[in-house]
C-alpha atoms as a PDB file:
ATOM      1  CA  MET A   1     -30.559  10.285   4.643  1.00  0.00           C
ATOM      2  CA  THR A   2     -30.564   7.729   7.438  1.00  0.00           C
ATOM      3  CA  ASP A   3     -29.258   8.255  10.936  1.00  0.00           C
ATOM      4  CA  ALA A   4     -26.191   6.138  10.208  1.00  0.00           C
ATOM      5  CA  HIS A   5     -22.948   7.907  10.985  1.00  0.00           C
ATOM      6  CA  PRO A   6     -21.091   8.620   7.736  1.00  0.00           C
ATOM      7  CA  ASP A   7     -17.722   7.728   9.207  1.00  0.00           C
ATOM      8  CA  GLU A   8     -18.916   4.157   9.744  1.00  0.00           C
ATOM      9  CA  ALA A   9     -18.537   3.635   5.993  1.00  0.00           C
ATOM     10  CA  GLU A  10     -15.210   3.318   4.191  1.00  0.00           C
ATOM     11  CA  VAL A  11     -14.849   4.383   0.568  1.00  0.00           C
ATOM     12  CA  LEU A  12     -11.726   3.250  -1.279  1.00  0.00           C
ATOM     13  CA  ILE A  13     -10.840   4.368  -4.804  1.00  0.00           C
ATOM     14  CA  ILE A  14      -8.567   1.941  -6.686  1.00  0.00           C
ATOM     15  CA  THR A  15      -6.847   3.643  -9.599  1.00  0.00           C
ATOM     16  CA  GLY A  16      -3.467   4.005 -11.280  1.00  0.00           C
ATOM     17  CA  LEU A  17      -1.720   2.766 -14.389  1.00  0.00           C
ATOM     18  CA  SER A  18      -3.545   0.239 -16.533  1.00  0.00           C
ATOM     19  CA  GLY A  19      -1.942  -3.165 -16.044  1.00  0.00           C
ATOM     20  CA  ALA A  20      -0.594  -2.321 -12.584  1.00  0.00           C
ATOM     21  CA  GLY A  21      -2.942  -4.685 -10.726  1.00  0.00           C
ATOM     22  CA  HIS A  22      -6.405  -3.119 -10.410  1.00  0.00           C
ATOM     23  CA  SER A  23      -8.152  -6.465 -10.914  1.00  0.00           C
ATOM     24  CA  THR A  24      -5.995  -8.258  -8.349  1.00  0.00           C
ATOM     25  CA  ALA A  25      -6.572  -5.532  -5.758  1.00  0.00           C
ATOM     26  CA  SER A  26     -10.322  -5.593  -6.429  1.00  0.00           C
ATOM     27  CA  ASN A  27     -10.486  -9.384  -6.082  1.00  0.00           C
ATOM     28  CA  VAL A  28      -8.551  -9.316  -2.804  1.00  0.00           C
ATOM     29  CA  LEU A  29     -10.868  -6.717  -1.290  1.00  0.00           C
ATOM     30  CA  GLU A  30     -13.963  -8.554  -2.492  1.00  0.00           C
ATOM     31  CA  ASP A  31     -12.665 -11.743  -0.851  1.00  0.00           C
ATOM     32  CA  ASP A  32     -12.186  -9.757   2.363  1.00  0.00           C
ATOM     33  CA  GLY A  33     -15.805  -8.595   2.449  1.00  0.00           C
ATOM     34  CA  TRP A  34     -15.661  -5.280   0.621  1.00  0.00           C
ATOM     35  CA  PHE A  35     -18.443  -4.344  -1.794  1.00  0.00           C
ATOM     36  CA  VAL A  36     -16.476  -3.823  -5.019  1.00  0.00           C
ATOM     37  CA  VAL A  37     -17.587  -1.948  -8.122  1.00  0.00           C
ATOM     38  CA  ASP A  38     -15.309  -2.262 -11.149  1.00  0.00           C
ATOM     39  CA  ASN A  39     -14.770   0.213 -13.985  1.00  0.00           C
ATOM     40  CA  LEU A  40     -17.028   2.923 -12.572  1.00  0.00           C
ATOM     41  CA  PRO A  41     -17.082   6.330 -14.330  1.00  0.00           C
ATOM     42  CA  PRO A  42     -15.920   9.023 -11.853  1.00  0.00           C
ATOM     43  CA  GLN A  43     -19.210  10.904 -12.224  1.00  0.00           C
ATOM     44  CA  MET A  44     -21.091   7.957 -10.703  1.00  0.00           C
ATOM     45  CA  LEU A  45     -18.983   7.868  -7.528  1.00  0.00           C
ATOM     46  CA  PRO A  46     -20.952  10.499  -5.517  1.00  0.00           C
ATOM     47  CA  PRO A  47     -24.377   8.843  -6.133  1.00  0.00           C
ATOM     48  CA  LEU A  48     -22.886   5.477  -5.162  1.00  0.00           C
ATOM     49  CA  ALA A  49     -21.434   6.971  -1.977  1.00  0.00           C
ATOM     50  CA  GLU A  50     -24.855   8.447  -1.198  1.00  0.00           C
ATOM     51  CA  LEU A  51     -26.405   4.992  -1.545  1.00  0.00           C
ATOM     52  CA  THR A  52     -23.743   3.635   0.799  1.00  0.00           C
ATOM     53  CA  ILE A  53     -24.779   6.165   3.440  1.00  0.00           C
ATOM     54  CA  ARG A  54     -28.475   5.409   2.920  1.00  0.00           C
ATOM     55  CA  ALA A  55     -27.756   1.694   3.357  1.00  0.00           C
ATOM     56  CA  GLY A  56     -27.404   2.402   7.069  1.00  0.00           C
ATOM     57  CA  GLY A  57     -24.303   0.261   7.615  1.00  0.00           C
ATOM     58  CA  ALA A  58     -25.332  -2.573   5.278  1.00  0.00           C
ATOM     59  CA  VAL A  59     -22.409  -1.640   2.985  1.00  0.00           C
ATOM     60  CA  PRO A  60     -19.764  -0.376   5.417  1.00  0.00           C
ATOM     61  CA  ARG A  61     -16.806  -0.948   3.080  1.00  0.00           C
ATOM     62  CA  LEU A  62     -17.067   0.199  -0.529  1.00  0.00           C
ATOM     63  CA  ALA A  63     -14.204  -0.166  -3.036  1.00  0.00           C
ATOM     64  CA  VAL A  64     -14.477   1.360  -6.491  1.00  0.00           C
ATOM     65  CA  ALA A  65     -12.016   0.635  -9.302  1.00  0.00           C
ATOM     66  CA  ILE A  66     -11.742   3.592 -11.683  1.00  0.00           C
ATOM     67  CA  ASP A  67      -9.433   3.580 -14.684  1.00  0.00           C
ATOM     68  CA  VAL A  68      -8.565   6.224 -17.242  1.00  0.00           C
ATOM     69  CA  ARG A  69     -11.120   6.636 -20.019  1.00  0.00           C
ATOM     70  CA  GLY A  70     -11.122   9.953 -21.838  1.00  0.00           C
ATOM     71  CA  ARG A  71      -9.256  13.196 -21.360  1.00  0.00           C
ATOM     72  CA  SER A  72     -11.408  14.546 -18.530  1.00  0.00           C
ATOM     73  CA  PHE A  73     -10.580  11.686 -16.155  1.00  0.00           C
ATOM     74  CA  THR A  74      -8.491  13.719 -13.692  1.00  0.00           C
ATOM     75  CA  PRO A  75     -10.858  16.711 -13.222  1.00  0.00           C
ATOM     76  CA  ASP A  76     -13.856  14.359 -13.136  1.00  0.00           C
ATOM     77  CA  LEU A  77     -12.273  12.246 -10.384  1.00  0.00           C
ATOM     78  CA  SER A  78     -11.151  15.295  -8.388  1.00  0.00           C
ATOM     79  CA  LYS A  79     -14.658  16.735  -8.474  1.00  0.00           C
ATOM     80  CA  ALA A  80     -16.161  13.353  -7.565  1.00  0.00           C
ATOM     81  CA  LEU A  81     -13.859  13.079  -4.524  1.00  0.00           C
ATOM     82  CA  ASP A  82     -14.841  16.593  -3.415  1.00  0.00           C
ATOM     83  CA  ASP A  83     -18.523  15.657  -3.740  1.00  0.00           C
ATOM     84  CA  VAL A  84     -17.985  12.504  -1.660  1.00  0.00           C
ATOM     85  CA  ARG A  85     -16.226  14.516   1.064  1.00  0.00           C
ATOM     86  CA  ALA A  86     -19.121  16.972   1.064  1.00  0.00           C
ATOM     87  CA  LYS A  87     -21.364  14.052   2.062  1.00  0.00           C
ATOM     88  CA  GLY A  88     -19.299  13.516   5.212  1.00  0.00           C
ATOM     89  CA  LEU A  89     -17.247  10.570   3.959  1.00  0.00           C
ATOM     90  CA  THR A  90     -13.460  10.437   3.699  1.00  0.00           C
ATOM     91  CA  PRO A  91     -12.487   8.617   0.492  1.00  0.00           C
ATOM     92  CA  VAL A  92      -9.111   6.891   0.384  1.00  0.00           C
ATOM     93  CA  VAL A  93      -7.268   6.774  -2.947  1.00  0.00           C
ATOM     94  CA  MET A  94      -5.047   3.749  -3.665  1.00  0.00           C
ATOM     95  CA  PHE A  95      -2.736   4.328  -6.640  1.00  0.00           C
ATOM     96  CA  LEU A  96      -1.147   1.309  -8.349  1.00  0.00           C
ATOM     97  CA  ASP A  97       1.953   1.848 -10.461  1.00  0.00           C
ATOM     98  CA  ALA A  98       4.632  -0.157 -12.267  1.00  0.00           C
ATOM     99  CA  ALA A  99       7.630   0.468 -14.518  1.00  0.00           C
ATOM    100  CA  ASP A 100       6.931   1.038 -18.219  1.00  0.00           C
ATOM    101  CA  GLN A 101       8.706  -2.123 -19.367  1.00  0.00           C
ATOM    102  CA  VAL A 102       6.811  -4.207 -16.821  1.00  0.00           C
ATOM    103  CA  LEU A 103       3.484  -2.804 -18.003  1.00  0.00           C
ATOM    104  CA  LEU A 104       4.509  -3.461 -21.612  1.00  0.00           C
ATOM    105  CA  ARG A 105       5.270  -7.125 -20.850  1.00  0.00           C
ATOM    106  CA  ARG A 106       1.940  -7.521 -19.081  1.00  0.00           C
ATOM    107  CA  PHE A 107      -0.011  -6.122 -22.031  1.00  0.00           C
ATOM    108  CA  GLU A 108       1.927  -8.317 -24.426  1.00  0.00           C
ATOM    109  CA  SER A 109       1.259 -11.415 -22.319  1.00  0.00           C
ATOM    110  CA  VAL A 110      -2.523 -10.908 -22.247  1.00  0.00           C
ATOM    111  CA  ARG A 111      -2.646  -9.585 -25.837  1.00  0.00           C
ATOM    112  CA  ARG A 112      -5.098  -6.825 -25.004  1.00  0.00           C
ATOM    113  CA  PRO A 113      -4.880  -3.196 -26.122  1.00  0.00           C
ATOM    114  CA  HIS A 114      -4.110  -0.392 -23.724  1.00  0.00           C
ATOM    115  CA  PRO A 115      -7.212   1.755 -22.913  1.00  0.00           C
ATOM    116  CA  LEU A 116      -5.540   4.768 -24.571  1.00  0.00           C
ATOM    117  CA  GLN A 117      -4.473   2.816 -27.645  1.00  0.00           C
ATOM    118  CA  PRO A 118      -4.701   3.515 -30.578  1.00  0.00           C
ATOM    119  CA  PRO A 119      -3.048   5.640 -31.826  1.00  0.00           C
ATOM    120  CA  GLY A 120       0.615   4.737 -31.427  1.00  0.00           C
ATOM    121  CA  THR A 121       2.313   1.928 -29.554  1.00  0.00           C
ATOM    122  CA  VAL A 122       1.612   0.518 -26.109  1.00  0.00           C
ATOM    123  CA  LEU A 123       4.555   2.499 -24.728  1.00  0.00           C
ATOM    124  CA  ASP A 124       3.107   5.675 -26.250  1.00  0.00           C
ATOM    125  CA  ALA A 125      -0.202   4.944 -24.511  1.00  0.00           C
ATOM    126  CA  ILE A 126       1.545   4.253 -21.186  1.00  0.00           C
ATOM    127  CA  ALA A 127       3.403   7.570 -21.437  1.00  0.00           C
ATOM    128  CA  ARG A 128       0.153   9.456 -22.124  1.00  0.00           C
ATOM    129  CA  GLU A 129      -1.587   7.710 -19.239  1.00  0.00           C
ATOM    130  CA  ARG A 130       1.277   8.401 -16.828  1.00  0.00           C
ATOM    131  CA  LEU A 131       1.177  12.101 -17.671  1.00  0.00           C
ATOM    132  CA  LEU A 132      -2.609  12.191 -17.371  1.00  0.00           C
ATOM    133  CA  LEU A 133      -2.570  10.464 -13.972  1.00  0.00           C
ATOM    134  CA  GLN A 134       0.260  12.438 -12.342  1.00  0.00           C
ATOM    135  CA  PRO A 135      -2.162  14.748 -10.449  1.00  0.00           C
ATOM    136  CA  VAL A 136      -4.037  11.675  -9.148  1.00  0.00           C
ATOM    137  CA  ARG A 137      -0.804  10.055  -8.019  1.00  0.00           C
ATOM    138  CA  ASP A 138       0.130  13.239  -6.144  1.00  0.00           C
ATOM    139  CA  LEU A 139      -3.099  13.174  -4.108  1.00  0.00           C
ATOM    140  CA  ALA A 140      -3.103   9.411  -3.433  1.00  0.00           C
ATOM    141  CA  ASP A 141      -3.248   8.202   0.174  1.00  0.00           C
ATOM    142  CA  ILE A 142      -1.713   4.817  -0.664  1.00  0.00           C
ATOM    143  CA  TYR A 143       0.926   4.274  -3.361  1.00  0.00           C
ATOM    144  CA  LEU A 144       1.833   0.706  -4.346  1.00  0.00           C
ATOM    145  CA  ASP A 145       4.486  -0.114  -6.926  1.00  0.00           C
ATOM    146  CA  THR A 146       3.853  -3.570  -8.389  1.00  0.00           C
ATOM    147  CA  SER A 147       6.865  -3.812 -10.722  1.00  0.00           C
ATOM    148  CA  GLU A 148       8.514  -6.593  -8.703  1.00  0.00           C
ATOM    149  CA  THR A 149       5.332  -7.891  -7.084  1.00  0.00           C
ATOM    150  CA  ASN A 150       3.503 -11.104  -7.946  1.00  0.00           C
ATOM    151  CA  VAL A 151      -0.223 -11.525  -7.325  1.00  0.00           C
ATOM    152  CA  HIS A 152       0.323 -13.046  -3.876  1.00  0.00           C
ATOM    153  CA  GLN A 153       2.667 -10.263  -2.756  1.00  0.00           C
ATOM    154  CA  LEU A 154       0.272  -7.619  -4.080  1.00  0.00           C
ATOM    155  CA  ALA A 155      -2.568  -9.254  -2.171  1.00  0.00           C
ATOM    156  CA  ALA A 156      -0.497  -9.036   1.017  1.00  0.00           C
ATOM    157  CA  LYS A 157       0.258  -5.353   0.365  1.00  0.00           C
ATOM    158  CA  VAL A 158      -3.392  -4.511  -0.233  1.00  0.00           C
ATOM    159  CA  ARG A 159      -4.498  -6.357   2.892  1.00  0.00           C
ATOM    160  CA  ALA A 160      -1.801  -4.661   4.954  1.00  0.00           C
ATOM    161  CA  ALA A 161      -2.939  -1.230   3.786  1.00  0.00           C
ATOM    162  CA  MET A 162      -6.656  -1.861   4.217  1.00  0.00           C
ATOM    163  CA  ARG A 163      -6.846  -4.268   7.145  1.00  0.00           C
ATOM    164  CA  PRO A 164     -10.023  -3.661   9.185  1.00  0.00           C
ATOM    165  CA  ARG A 165      -9.909  -1.206  12.041  1.00  0.00           C
ATOM    166  CA  ALA A 166     -12.296  -0.430  14.845  1.00  0.00           C
ATOM    167  CA  PRO A 167     -14.341   2.793  14.527  1.00  0.00           C
ATOM    168  CA  GLY A 168     -12.547   5.716  16.120  1.00  0.00           C
ATOM    169  CA  SER A 169      -9.244   3.859  16.404  1.00  0.00           C
ATOM    170  CA  ALA A 170      -5.889   4.772  14.872  1.00  0.00           C
ATOM    171  CA  ASP A 171      -5.364   7.805  12.690  1.00  0.00           C
ATOM    172  CA  LEU A 172      -2.282   6.352  10.995  1.00  0.00           C
ATOM    173  CA  HIS A 173      -1.806   2.840   9.591  1.00  0.00           C
ATOM    174  CA  LEU A 174       1.916   2.159   9.413  1.00  0.00           C
ATOM    175  CA  THR A 175       3.311  -0.785   7.459  1.00  0.00           C
ATOM    176  CA  VAL A 176       6.813  -1.838   8.525  1.00  0.00           C
ATOM    177  CA  MET A 177       8.261  -3.773   5.593  1.00  0.00           C
ATOM    178  CA  SER A 178      11.404  -5.902   5.578  1.00  0.00           C
ATOM    179  CA  PHE A 179      13.191  -6.397   2.261  1.00  0.00           C
ATOM    180  CA  GLY A 180      16.455  -7.521   0.688  1.00  0.00           C
ATOM    181  CA  PHE A 181      18.605  -4.983  -1.123  1.00  0.00           C
ATOM    182  CA  LYS A 182      19.623  -7.625  -3.660  1.00  0.00           C
ATOM    183  CA  HIS A 183      15.958  -7.830  -4.725  1.00  0.00           C
ATOM    184  CA  GLY A 184      15.625  -4.065  -5.146  1.00  0.00           C
ATOM    185  CA  VAL A 185      14.601  -1.153  -2.937  1.00  0.00           C
ATOM    186  CA  PRO A 186      10.809  -0.768  -2.408  1.00  0.00           C
ATOM    187  CA  VAL A 187       9.749   2.402  -4.198  1.00  0.00           C
ATOM    188  CA  ASP A 188       6.504   2.727  -2.216  1.00  0.00           C
ATOM    189  CA  ALA A 189       8.252   3.314   1.127  1.00  0.00           C
ATOM    190  CA  GLU A 190       8.402   6.794   2.651  1.00  0.00           C
ATOM    191  CA  ASN A 191      11.422   5.888   4.810  1.00  0.00           C
ATOM    192  CA  ILE A 192      14.140   3.258   4.258  1.00  0.00           C
ATOM    193  CA  ALA A 193      16.666   1.948   6.778  1.00  0.00           C
ATOM    194  CA  ASP A 194      19.721  -0.241   6.125  1.00  0.00           C
ATOM    195  CA  VAL A 195      20.596  -2.851   8.777  1.00  0.00           C
ATOM    196  CA  ARG A 196      23.362  -4.616   6.853  1.00  0.00           C
ATOM    197  CA  PHE A 197      25.796  -3.337   9.504  1.00  0.00           C
ATOM    198  CA  LEU A 198      24.489  -5.983  11.937  1.00  0.00           C
ATOM    199  CA  PRO A 199      25.992  -9.501  12.219  1.00  0.00           C
ATOM    200  CA  ASN A 200      24.472 -11.751   9.560  1.00  0.00           C
ATOM    201  CA  PRO A 201      22.847 -15.038  10.713  1.00  0.00           C
ATOM    202  CA  HIS A 202      23.362 -16.301   7.161  1.00  0.00           C
ATOM    203  CA  TRP A 203      26.922 -17.218   8.140  1.00  0.00           C
ATOM    204  CA  VAL A 204      25.782 -19.355  11.082  1.00  0.00           C
ATOM    205  CA  PRO A 205      24.975 -22.846   9.699  1.00  0.00           C
ATOM    206  CA  GLY A 206      22.273 -23.565  12.260  1.00  0.00           C
ATOM    207  CA  LEU A 207      20.509 -20.263  11.586  1.00  0.00           C
ATOM    208  CA  ARG A 208      20.935 -19.955   7.819  1.00  0.00           C
ATOM    209  CA  PRO A 209      17.779 -21.917   6.839  1.00  0.00           C
ATOM    210  CA  ARG A 210      15.644 -20.072   9.398  1.00  0.00           C
ATOM    211  CA  THR A 211      14.193 -16.549   9.210  1.00  0.00           C
ATOM    212  CA  GLY A 212      14.041 -13.469  11.394  1.00  0.00           C
ATOM    213  CA  LEU A 213      10.657 -14.672  12.655  1.00  0.00           C
ATOM    214  CA  ASP A 214      12.454 -17.494  14.482  1.00  0.00           C
ATOM    215  CA  PRO A 215      13.199 -16.491  18.113  1.00  0.00           C
ATOM    216  CA  GLU A 216      16.730 -17.891  17.921  1.00  0.00           C
ATOM    217  CA  VAL A 217      17.523 -15.773  14.862  1.00  0.00           C
ATOM    218  CA  ALA A 218      16.068 -12.665  16.504  1.00  0.00           C
ATOM    219  CA  GLU A 219      18.106 -13.369  19.647  1.00  0.00           C
ATOM    220  CA  TYR A 220      21.269 -13.662  17.550  1.00  0.00           C
ATOM    221  CA  VAL A 221      20.575 -10.339  15.822  1.00  0.00           C
ATOM    222  CA  PHE A 222      19.786  -8.499  19.055  1.00  0.00           C
ATOM    223  CA  ALA A 223      22.731 -10.029  20.913  1.00  0.00           C
ATOM    224  CA  ASP A 224      24.668  -7.232  19.247  1.00  0.00           C
ATOM    225  CA  PRO A 225      24.037  -4.035  21.279  1.00  0.00           C
ATOM    226  CA  ALA A 226      24.030  -2.076  18.020  1.00  0.00           C
ATOM    227  CA  ALA A 227      20.732  -3.707  17.057  1.00  0.00           C
ATOM    228  CA  GLU A 228      18.914  -2.539  20.176  1.00  0.00           C
ATOM    229  CA  GLY A 229      20.559   0.867  19.953  1.00  0.00           C
ATOM    230  CA  PHE A 230      19.443   1.234  16.343  1.00  0.00           C
ATOM    231  CA  VAL A 231      15.847   0.246  17.100  1.00  0.00           C
ATOM    232  CA  GLU A 232      15.648   2.687  19.994  1.00  0.00           C
ATOM    233  CA  ALA A 233      17.130   5.586  18.015  1.00  0.00           C
ATOM    234  CA  TYR A 234      15.153   4.896  14.844  1.00  0.00           C
ATOM    235  CA  THR A 235      11.945   4.530  16.837  1.00  0.00           C
ATOM    236  CA  ARG A 236      12.448   8.007  18.275  1.00  0.00           C
ATOM    237  CA  CYS A 237      12.994   9.420  14.787  1.00  0.00           C
ATOM    238  CA  LEU A 238       9.935   7.664  13.385  1.00  0.00           C
ATOM    239  CA  GLU A 239       7.775   8.838  16.280  1.00  0.00           C
ATOM    240  CA  VAL A 240       8.519  12.415  15.203  1.00  0.00           C
ATOM    241  CA  ILE A 241       7.711  11.532  11.592  1.00  0.00           C
ATOM    242  CA  THR A 242       4.491   9.668  12.369  1.00  0.00           C
ATOM    243  CA  ARG A 243       3.338  12.535  14.568  1.00  0.00           C
ATOM    244  CA  GLY A 244       3.817  14.823  11.578  1.00  0.00           C
ATOM    245  CA  TYR A 245       1.937  12.426   9.315  1.00  0.00           C
ATOM    246  CA  ARG A 246      -1.026  12.459  11.686  1.00  0.00           C
ATOM    247  CA  GLU A 247      -1.007  16.242  11.921  1.00  0.00           C
ATOM    248  CA  GLU A 248      -1.070  16.390   8.109  1.00  0.00           C
ATOM    249  CA  ASN A 249      -3.947  13.849   8.064  1.00  0.00           C
ATOM    250  CA  LYS A 250      -1.838  11.205   6.309  1.00  0.00           C
ATOM    251  CA  ARG A 251      -3.556   7.901   7.051  1.00  0.00           C
ATOM    252  CA  PHE A 252      -1.170   5.360   5.517  1.00  0.00           C
ATOM    253  CA  ALA A 253       2.627   5.107   5.401  1.00  0.00           C
ATOM    254  CA  VAL A 254       5.318   2.506   4.745  1.00  0.00           C
ATOM    255  CA  VAL A 255       8.653   2.191   6.552  1.00  0.00           C
ATOM    256  CA  ALA A 256      11.104  -0.245   4.972  1.00  0.00           C
ATOM    257  CA  VAL A 257      14.020  -2.020   6.651  1.00  0.00           C
ATOM    258  CA  GLY A 258      16.559  -3.757   4.438  1.00  0.00           C
ATOM    259  CA  CYS A 259      19.340  -6.276   4.783  1.00  0.00           C
ATOM    260  CA  THR A 260      21.099  -8.248   2.053  1.00  0.00           C
ATOM    261  CA  GLY A 261      18.482 -10.897   1.292  1.00  0.00           C
ATOM    262  CA  GLY A 262      15.483  -9.826   3.373  1.00  0.00           C
ATOM    263  CA  LYS A 263      15.436 -13.070   5.344  1.00  0.00           C
ATOM    264  CA  HIS A 264      17.128 -12.574   8.728  1.00  0.00           C
ATOM    265  CA  ARG A 265      18.216  -9.167  10.049  1.00  0.00           C
ATOM    266  CA  SER A 266      15.631  -6.948   8.373  1.00  0.00           C
ATOM    267  CA  VAL A 267      12.814  -9.307   9.385  1.00  0.00           C
ATOM    268  CA  ALA A 268      13.824  -9.352  13.050  1.00  0.00           C
ATOM    269  CA  VAL A 269      14.298  -5.574  13.150  1.00  0.00           C
ATOM    270  CA  ALA A 270      11.028  -4.881  11.310  1.00  0.00           C
ATOM    271  CA  GLU A 271       9.132  -6.986  13.836  1.00  0.00           C
ATOM    272  CA  ALA A 272      10.761  -5.089  16.703  1.00  0.00           C
ATOM    273  CA  LEU A 273      10.020  -1.713  15.126  1.00  0.00           C
ATOM    274  CA  ALA A 274       6.385  -2.633  14.513  1.00  0.00           C
ATOM    275  CA  LEU A 275       5.989  -3.459  18.208  1.00  0.00           C
ATOM    276  CA  ARG A 276       7.738  -0.267  19.364  1.00  0.00           C
ATOM    277  CA  LEU A 277       5.827   2.084  17.038  1.00  0.00           C
ATOM    278  CA  ALA A 278       2.350   0.759  17.803  1.00  0.00           C
ATOM    279  CA  GLY A 279       0.506   2.971  20.208  1.00  0.00           C
ATOM    280  CA  GLU A 280      -2.022   5.728  20.564  1.00  0.00           C
ATOM    281  CA  GLY A 281      -3.034   6.943  17.130  1.00  0.00           C
ATOM    282  CA  VAL A 282      -0.851   4.431  15.271  1.00  0.00           C
ATOM    283  CA  VAL A 283      -1.568   0.852  14.186  1.00  0.00           C
ATOM    284  CA  THR A 284       1.393  -1.067  12.790  1.00  0.00           C
ATOM    285  CA  HIS A 285       1.617  -4.137  10.615  1.00  0.00           C
ATOM    286  CA  ALA A 286       4.839  -5.987   9.753  1.00  0.00           C
ATOM    287  CA  VAL A 287       5.165  -7.253   6.164  1.00  0.00           C
ATOM    288  CA  HIS A 288       8.127  -9.277   4.920  1.00  0.00           C
ATOM    289  CA  ARG A 289       8.427  -8.727   1.187  1.00  0.00           C
ATOM    290  CA  ASP A 290      11.228 -11.124   0.335  1.00  0.00           C
ATOM    291  CA  LEU A 291      10.681 -14.085   2.638  1.00  0.00           C
ATOM    292  CA  GLY A 292      10.715 -17.234   0.537  1.00  0.00           C
ATOM    293  CA  ARG A 293      12.972 -15.748  -2.138  1.00  0.00           C
ATOM    294  CA  GLU A 294      16.467 -17.028  -2.736  1.00  0.00           C
END
């Protein structure tokens, strides 16, 4: 083994339901400079991690896409992760998921069989895979639901979760996501706040076409004392929660803030929360899921 420090290397495992976006996530990471290995058997993960260490920093960011092949997938992956940790690395597991009907449509559109098919239908195979992967989902560090996510939105989610960080920096990477309730509640958020009680810039003709990223829209939202009071109070609550996440060694979390359409109020508040929550041990990143949607 070289003298390279093991914690200089990052090892990301991309897994989850077939059809949920493994290929898109892999392509995004490869474009961002990760060394990506697709369709790797779990048993080959520890030797690959060992090679990453021996590379002496030449491959600092390794992403491995592993899908379900065979009944021993879950115990094989669990053992492989334990072996990687024994080498001094901390693997991060990213689990991609989507609703059954969404996965069915995706398989029908590409006209490819599910990895666990035959026997039975595609829905039968999805049900078997979901049951098989439940233990992996439970141990995942990052959970992304792609049911209502196009390839561009998924790329933004992956980049937000895995954006580069300096060695020895934050323990917790917190994504603050704005969204619109009319487009559905994000299922991958640990905490959800509703800011529809604030005055809506949608009803101000000069502000309607703008977004919460516009200073004039943000000023309108925070002209109501309730907005500042909410941000202060919710920040205090989230500071308690994020402290607990760090103590439990949780490295990634998502906080969602919703308004009606995800264009004005939630965007302005999410930006303010991201600024307030950033600090020692926490890096924040604001993501606006529904900007650009009608």
